[in-house]
Every structure is written in structure tokens, then in C-alpha cells.
C-alpha atoms as a PDB file:
ATOM      1  CA  MET A   1      -8.474  -5.796  10.538  1.00  0.00           C
ATOM      2  CA  ASP A   2      -5.866  -8.373  10.597  1.00  0.00           C
ATOM      3  CA  SER A   3      -3.693  -9.323   7.464  1.00  0.00           C
ATOM      4  CA  SER A   4      -5.745 -12.725   6.949  1.00  0.00           C
ATOM      5  CA  GLU A   5      -8.703 -10.392   6.310  1.00  0.00           C
ATOM      6  CA  LYS A   6      -9.770  -9.285   2.805  1.00  0.00           C
ATOM      7  CA  VAL A   7     -11.851  -6.362   1.560  1.00  0.00           C
ATOM      8  CA  SER A   8     -14.065  -6.919  -0.971  1.00  0.00           C
ATOM      9  CA  VAL A   9     -13.801  -4.890  -4.193  1.00  0.00           C
ATOM     10  CA  ASN A  10     -17.344  -4.134  -4.146  1.00  0.00           C
ATOM     11  CA  SER A  11     -16.888  -2.567  -0.693  1.00  0.00           C
ATOM     12  CA  THR A  12     -18.659   0.824  -0.177  1.00  0.00           C
ATOM     13  CA  LYS A  13     -15.324   2.023   1.264  1.00  0.00           C
ATOM     14  CA  PHE A  14     -13.635   2.238  -1.911  1.00  0.00           C
ATOM     15  CA  GLU A  15     -14.041   4.227  -5.241  1.00  0.00           C
ATOM     16  CA  LYS A  16     -15.196   2.304  -8.157  1.00  0.00           C
ATOM     17  CA  PRO A  17     -12.391   1.996 -11.035  1.00  0.00           C
ATOM     18  CA  PRO A  18     -12.571   4.214 -13.960  1.00  0.00           C
ATOM     19  CA  PRO A  19     -14.407   2.873 -17.228  1.00  0.00           C
ATOM     20  CA  ASN A  20     -11.927   1.035 -19.494  1.00  0.00           C
ATOM     21  CA  PRO A  21      -9.180   1.583 -16.816  1.00  0.00           C
ATOM     22  CA  SER A  22      -5.495   1.000 -17.943  1.00  0.00           C
ATOM     23  CA  ILE A  23      -3.300   0.195 -14.595  1.00  0.00           C
ATOM     24  CA  GLY A  24      -0.126   2.306 -14.666  1.00  0.00           C
ATOM     25  CA  VAL A  25       0.979   0.491 -11.282  1.00  0.00           C
ATOM     26  CA  LYS A  26      -0.215  -2.709  -9.333  1.00  0.00           C
ATOM     27  CA  ILE A  27       0.424  -3.256  -6.008  1.00  0.00           C
ATOM     28  CA  GLU A  28      -0.593  -6.641  -4.002  1.00  0.00           C
ATOM     29  CA  ASN A  29      -0.131  -7.961  -0.649  1.00  0.00           C
ATOM     30  CA  LEU A  30       2.778  -5.333  -0.168  1.00  0.00           C
ATOM     31  CA  ARG A  31       4.805  -5.701   3.310  1.00  0.00           C
ATOM     32  CA  LYS A  32       7.780  -4.089   4.729  1.00  0.00           C
ATOM     33  CA  VAL A  33       9.669  -4.827   7.901  1.00  0.00           C
ATOM     34  CA  PHE A  34      12.128  -2.660   9.587  1.00  0.00           C
ATOM     35  CA  GLN A  35      14.859  -4.278  11.676  1.00  0.00           C
ATOM     36  CA  THR A  36      17.268  -2.413  14.299  1.00  0.00           C
ATOM     37  CA  LEU A  37      20.901  -2.372  13.605  1.00  0.00           C
ATOM     38  CA  ALA A  38      21.212  -5.543  15.955  1.00  0.00           C
ATOM     39  CA  GLY A  39      18.486  -7.185  14.315  1.00  0.00           C
ATOM     40  CA  THR A  40      16.817  -7.771  17.598  1.00  0.00           C
ATOM     41  CA  ASN A  41      13.402  -5.605  16.989  1.00  0.00           C
ATOM     42  CA  LYS A  42      11.129  -5.820  14.129  1.00  0.00           C
ATOM     43  CA  LYS A  43       8.789  -3.290  13.145  1.00  0.00           C
ATOM     44  CA  VAL A  44       5.884  -3.675  10.523  1.00  0.00           C
ATOM     45  CA  ALA A  45       5.913  -0.348   8.570  1.00  0.00           C
ATOM     46  CA  VAL A  46       3.307  -2.047   5.916  1.00  0.00           C
ATOM     47  CA  ASP A  47       1.212  -4.990   6.100  1.00  0.00           C
ATOM     48  CA  GLY A  48      -1.039  -6.161   3.328  1.00  0.00           C
ATOM     49  CA  VAL A  49      -1.267  -2.919   1.412  1.00  0.00           C
ATOM     50  CA  SER A  50      -3.069  -3.797  -2.310  1.00  0.00           C
ATOM     51  CA  LEU A  51      -3.406  -0.807  -4.504  1.00  0.00           C
ATOM     52  CA  ASP A  52      -4.103  -0.095  -8.214  1.00  0.00           C
ATOM     53  CA  ILE A  53      -2.954   3.240  -9.717  1.00  0.00           C
ATOM     54  CA  TYR A  54      -4.238   4.098 -12.770  1.00  0.00           C
ATOM     55  CA  GLU A  55      -2.992   5.974 -15.802  1.00  0.00           C
ATOM     56  CA  GLY A  56      -4.553   9.407 -16.060  1.00  0.00           C
ATOM     57  CA  GLU A  57      -5.953   9.538 -12.639  1.00  0.00           C
ATOM     58  CA  ILE A  58      -4.571  11.440  -9.663  1.00  0.00           C
ATOM     59  CA  THR A  59      -4.107   9.342  -6.765  1.00  0.00           C
ATOM     60  CA  ALA A  60      -3.455   9.979  -2.979  1.00  0.00           C
ATOM     61  CA  LEU A  61      -2.675   8.023  -0.010  1.00  0.00           C
ATOM     62  CA  LEU A  62      -4.220   9.263   3.324  1.00  0.00           C
ATOM     63  CA  GLY A  63      -3.542   7.855   6.813  1.00  0.00           C
ATOM     64  CA  HIS A  64      -2.541   8.946  10.167  1.00  0.00           C
ATOM     65  CA  ASN A  65       0.935   9.404  11.083  1.00  0.00           C
ATOM     66  CA  GLY A  66       2.874   6.097  11.056  1.00  0.00           C
ATOM     67  CA  ALA A  67       0.382   4.369   8.912  1.00  0.00           C
ATOM     68  CA  GLY A  68       2.989   3.667   6.238  1.00  0.00           C
ATOM     69  CA  LYS A  69       2.280   6.231   3.535  1.00  0.00           C
ATOM     70  CA  THR A  70       5.736   7.363   2.978  1.00  0.00           C
ATOM     71  CA  THR A  71       7.370   3.965   3.324  1.00  0.00           C
ATOM     72  CA  THR A  72       4.752   2.716   0.437  1.00  0.00           C
ATOM     73  CA  MET A  73       5.738   5.581  -1.847  1.00  0.00           C
ATOM     74  CA  SER A  74       9.672   4.846  -1.166  1.00  0.00           C
ATOM     75  CA  ILE A  75       9.077   1.263  -2.110  1.00  0.00           C
ATOM     76  CA  ILE A  76       7.340   2.334  -5.281  1.00  0.00           C
ATOM     77  CA  THR A  77      10.101   4.596  -6.185  1.00  0.00           C
ATOM     78  CA  GLY A  78      12.852   2.288  -5.408  1.00  0.00           C
ATOM     79  CA  ASN A  79      14.113   4.384  -2.305  1.00  0.00           C
ATOM     80  CA  VAL A  80      13.619   1.753   0.127  1.00  0.00           C
ATOM     81  CA  TYR A  81      14.503  -2.212  -0.165  1.00  0.00           C
END
């Protein structure tokens, strides 16, 4: 799937939000590109991630190696700019 495609919120691939949700963290179209020190090469680590994290709920990020889980969490916590 490229970044121009959107996944429907009603998709069967996603769990429905809890009743009366209170969103603690909302992320829309998160993107992170790392550059080499010389600035010649670019690596997209996270591209188009949208996510709601609800108060009182446990949230887990699942994915293969290199999927951007650690980068996403580092951005949320302020460890990557």
C-alpha cells in the first residue's frame, strides 16, 4: 500500500474503538525520514502512520523488524525529532 491510500476506519483489520472513548494520544500521518551525515541518502522509517491511543486501554505496536515501531515510540516520547 502506498502513502496515498487510506484504510477505512470501518475495516475488518482494526478493532473498533471502546465505547465513549477518551483519546490520550492522537497521531495523524506521522512521517520520519533519516538522513546520512553527508545528507546524500535518505531512509523513510515511518510513513503515514495514524493512530489513536485511548486512556485506560493497553496499546501495542506490532510489526516486523524495520517496520518503524521503535521510531514511532521514540517520536511520541520526544527522543527523536
